[in-house]
Amino acid sequence: MSDFDPGKFEDKYEHYFAELQQAYKGAFDRMDRQYDSELIHAIDQHVLAESEPFYEENEGFRIELPDDPSARIDDALADADRFETVLATYVDELEAELRRVFDVDSDPE
């Protein structure tokens, strides 16, 4: 992989598609081992598939989720508190995986 260029991240799907896939897969695999597989698959397919990763030099990586992510998941999979907790953990894991894949420090300053 070439060195990470924050300027190219605006066109991330053109320049970093393979790396993004690797990060999302790595986060998914780790979460799938630690949490209910059915819930992780639902979050992956119905929430994170519609998410958007961003990189800002002062803040690092962040994941923008679609509106009302809990409405995208069947209530039978998890209550609201459990869903929010697992989703927050998943987003943290994904941001950490993006930092790892792109070899970017967690503290951008």
Protein backbone atom coordinates (compact mmCIF):
# COMPACT_ATOMS: atom_id res chain seq x y z
CA MET A 1 0.00 0.00 0.00
CA SER A 2 1.20 3.50 -0.74
CA ASP A 3 1.45 6.14 1.95
CA PHE A 4 -1.85 7.59 3.10
CA ASP A 5 -2.63 10.97 1.52
CA PRO A 6 -5.44 12.78 3.38
CA GLY A 7 -6.14 14.89 0.29
CA LYS A 8 -6.98 11.77 -1.70
CA PHE A 9 -9.46 10.59 0.92
CA GLU A 10 -12.12 12.89 -0.51
CA ASP A 11 -12.12 10.51 -3.48
CA LYS A 12 -11.68 7.52 -1.19
CA TYR A 13 -13.51 5.02 -3.37
CA GLU A 14 -11.24 5.83 -6.28
CA HIS A 15 -7.96 5.86 -4.34
CA TYR A 16 -8.53 3.64 -1.30
CA PHE A 17 -11.33 1.21 -2.10
CA ALA A 18 -9.34 -1.94 -1.26
CA GLU A 19 -8.11 -0.47 2.02
CA LEU A 20 -11.64 0.56 3.00
CA GLN A 21 -12.89 -2.95 2.29
CA GLN A 22 -10.06 -4.36 4.39
CA ALA A 23 -10.88 -2.06 7.32
CA TYR A 24 -14.62 -2.79 7.22
CA LYS A 25 -13.95 -6.54 6.98
CA GLY A 26 -11.43 -6.46 9.83
CA ALA A 27 -13.85 -4.61 12.10
CA PHE A 28 -16.69 -6.95 11.11
CA ASP A 29 -14.62 -10.07 11.83
CA ARG A 30 -13.59 -8.82 15.27
CA MET A 31 -17.13 -7.77 16.21
CA ASP A 32 -18.61 -11.03 14.87
CA ARG A 33 -16.36 -13.01 17.22
CA GLN A 34 -17.32 -10.94 20.27
CA TYR A 35 -21.05 -10.28 19.84
CA ASP A 36 -24.23 -11.93 18.62
CA SER A 37 -23.60 -12.76 14.98
CA GLU A 38 -27.14 -11.99 13.87
CA LEU A 39 -27.00 -8.49 15.38
CA ILE A 40 -23.54 -7.80 13.91
CA HIS A 41 -24.69 -8.91 10.46
CA ALA A 42 -27.77 -6.67 10.72
CA ILE A 43 -25.69 -3.65 11.76
CA ASP A 44 -23.19 -4.37 9.00
CA GLN A 45 -25.81 -4.74 6.25
CA HIS A 46 -28.41 -2.18 7.30
CA VAL A 47 -26.43 0.54 9.07
CA LEU A 48 -22.74 0.45 8.21
CA ALA A 49 -23.36 -0.36 4.55
CA GLU A 50 -25.01 3.07 4.41
CA SER A 51 -22.35 4.80 6.51
CA GLU A 52 -19.65 7.09 5.20
CA PRO A 53 -16.06 7.22 6.48
CA PHE A 54 -14.35 10.62 6.63
CA TYR A 55 -10.85 11.74 7.47
CA GLU A 56 -10.06 15.16 8.87
CA GLU A 57 -6.46 16.00 9.66
CA ASN A 58 -7.34 17.59 13.01
CA GLU A 59 -9.76 14.86 14.11
CA GLY A 60 -8.72 11.66 12.33
CA PHE A 61 -11.21 9.11 11.05
CA ARG A 62 -14.89 9.31 11.83
CA ILE A 63 -17.91 7.36 10.61
CA GLU A 64 -21.06 9.19 9.64
CA LEU A 65 -24.05 6.94 10.19
CA PRO A 66 -27.33 7.09 8.27
CA ASP A 67 -30.29 8.81 9.91
CA ASP A 68 -32.05 6.83 12.65
CA PRO A 69 -29.89 3.69 12.58
CA SER A 70 -32.01 1.90 15.18
CA ALA A 71 -35.03 2.00 12.84
CA ARG A 72 -33.04 -0.09 10.36
CA ILE A 73 -32.73 -3.05 12.76
CA ASP A 74 -35.43 -5.48 13.85
CA ASP A 75 -36.31 -4.78 17.49
CA ALA A 76 -36.23 -8.52 18.17
CA LEU A 77 -32.44 -8.57 17.66
CA ALA A 78 -31.68 -6.21 20.54
CA ASP A 79 -33.33 -3.67 22.79
CA ALA A 80 -32.49 -0.01 22.19
CA ASP A 81 -29.79 0.20 24.87
CA ARG A 82 -28.03 -2.96 23.69
CA PHE A 83 -28.20 -1.84 20.07
CA GLU A 84 -26.73 1.60 20.87
CA THR A 85 -23.94 0.03 22.93
CA VAL A 86 -22.99 -2.52 20.27
CA LEU A 87 -23.23 0.06 17.47
CA ALA A 88 -20.98 2.50 19.35
CA THR A 89 -18.46 -0.28 19.96
CA TYR A 90 -18.62 -1.31 16.30
CA VAL A 91 -18.03 2.29 15.14
CA ASP A 92 -15.07 2.62 17.54
CA GLU A 93 -13.68 -0.67 16.22
CA LEU A 94 -14.10 0.48 12.62
CA GLU A 95 -12.37 3.79 13.28
CA ALA A 96 -9.50 1.92 14.98
CA GLU A 97 -9.28 -0.46 12.04
CA LEU A 98 -9.14 2.48 9.59
CA ARG A 99 -6.25 3.94 11.61
CA ARG A 100 -4.49 0.58 11.53
CA VAL A 101 -5.01 -0.08 7.81
CA PHE A 102 -3.92 3.44 6.85
CA ASP A 103 -1.18 3.53 9.51
CA VAL A 104 -2.48 6.78 10.95
CA ASP A 105 -1.90 7.65 14.62
CA SER A 106 -4.97 7.82 16.80
CA ASP A 107 -3.99 11.33 17.85
CA PRO A 108 -3.72 13.36 14.63
CA GLU A 109 -1.90 16.25 16.28
